[in-house]
Protein backbone atom coordinates (compact mmCIF):
# COMPACT_ATOMS: atom_id res chain seq x y z
CA UNK A 1 85.07 137.63 92.37
CA UNK A 2 87.02 140.07 90.24
CA UNK A 3 90.07 142.11 91.16
CA UNK A 4 90.41 145.89 90.96
CA UNK A 5 91.31 145.79 87.27
CA UNK A 6 88.01 144.12 86.40
CA UNK A 7 89.74 140.81 85.66
CA UNK A 8 88.70 137.43 87.00
CA UNK A 9 90.91 135.68 89.50
CA UNK A 10 92.04 132.08 88.92
CA UNK A 11 89.37 130.60 91.14
CA UNK A 12 86.52 132.32 89.34
CA UNK A 13 88.01 131.61 85.92
CA UNK A 14 88.42 127.93 86.77
CA UNK A 15 84.90 127.68 88.14
CA UNK A 16 83.39 129.28 85.04
CA UNK A 17 85.46 127.07 82.77
CA UNK A 18 84.36 123.98 84.66
CA UNK A 19 80.72 124.98 84.47
CA UNK A 20 80.97 125.59 80.72
CA UNK A 21 82.70 122.26 80.18
CA UNK A 22 80.00 120.48 82.21
CA UNK A 23 77.29 122.09 80.06
CA UNK A 24 78.99 121.08 76.81
CA UNK A 25 79.93 117.47 77.65
CA UNK A 26 78.17 114.40 78.94
CA UNK A 27 79.05 111.55 81.28
CA UNK A 28 80.83 109.60 78.54
CA UNK A 29 83.23 112.52 77.95
CA UNK A 30 84.33 112.44 81.58
CA UNK A 31 84.61 108.66 81.56
CA UNK A 32 86.83 108.80 78.48
CA UNK A 33 89.18 111.48 79.83
CA UNK A 34 89.33 109.67 83.16
CA UNK A 35 90.30 106.44 81.42
CA UNK A 36 92.96 108.22 79.35
CA UNK A 37 94.35 109.83 82.49
CA UNK A 38 94.43 106.50 84.28
CA UNK A 39 96.25 104.87 81.38
CA UNK A 40 98.79 107.71 81.22
CA UNK A 41 99.40 107.41 84.96
CA UNK A 42 99.78 103.66 84.66
CA UNK A 43 102.28 104.07 81.82
CA UNK A 44 104.40 106.57 83.74
CA UNK A 45 104.35 105.00 87.23
CA UNK A 46 105.39 101.58 88.44
CA UNK A 47 103.95 99.08 90.87
CA UNK A 48 105.51 100.91 93.83
CA UNK A 49 103.49 104.05 93.10
CA UNK A 50 100.22 102.16 93.38
CA UNK A 51 101.38 100.34 96.51
CA UNK A 52 102.25 103.67 98.14
CA UNK A 53 98.94 105.38 97.34
CA UNK A 54 97.07 102.25 98.39
CA UNK A 55 98.85 102.27 101.75
CA UNK A 56 98.11 105.97 102.23
CA UNK A 57 94.45 105.41 101.43
CA UNK A 58 94.27 102.45 103.78
CA UNK A 59 95.89 104.41 106.59
CA UNK A 60 93.56 107.36 106.08
CA UNK A 61 90.55 105.05 106.06
CA UNK A 62 91.70 103.29 109.24
CA UNK A 63 92.22 106.64 110.98
CA UNK A 64 88.77 107.72 109.86
CA UNK A 65 87.20 104.59 111.30
CA UNK A 66 89.05 105.17 114.58
CA UNK A 67 87.37 108.56 114.91
CA UNK A 68 90.30 110.68 113.73
CA UNK A 69 88.75 111.61 110.40
CA UNK A 70 85.74 113.72 111.24
CA UNK A 71 86.13 117.35 112.19
CA UNK A 72 82.39 118.04 112.40
CA UNK A 73 81.69 115.53 115.13
CA UNK A 74 79.58 113.31 112.89
CA UNK A 75 79.80 109.61 113.53
CA UNK A 76 78.63 108.34 110.15
CA UNK A 77 82.21 107.44 109.16
CA UNK A 78 82.21 109.74 106.14
CA UNK A 79 84.59 112.61 105.51
CA UNK A 80 83.39 115.81 103.87
CA UNK A 81 84.88 116.83 100.52
CA UNK A 82 86.52 119.78 102.21
CA UNK A 83 88.15 117.59 104.83
CA UNK A 84 89.34 115.09 102.21
CA UNK A 85 90.85 117.89 100.13
CA UNK A 86 92.58 119.40 103.12
CA UNK A 87 94.02 116.05 104.18
CA UNK A 88 95.13 115.29 100.64
CA UNK A 89 96.83 118.66 100.44
CA UNK A 90 98.63 118.05 103.72
CA UNK A 91 99.89 114.67 102.51
CA UNK A 92 101.13 116.06 99.19
CA UNK A 93 103.16 118.79 100.94
CA UNK A 94 105.20 116.21 102.86
């Protein structure tokens, strides 16, 4: 989607950039950047950070198993990507 000036918005620009990157790189590229990101996070955060995100993940998973995690009425115990993103966004705003 472009705006009135004929320029791409951020969403479209990001999508196109992601598609181009996916065409130009393979699985190993993503594994390598993921590992580097994990190492950088580990270097900059302490044990408490990982305990906190582990607790949040455990709580979210428990709520999901209790039937609080599915907005589409499905009972397969899985959350859609959209629902996970929304819940993650809500948590990060707190």
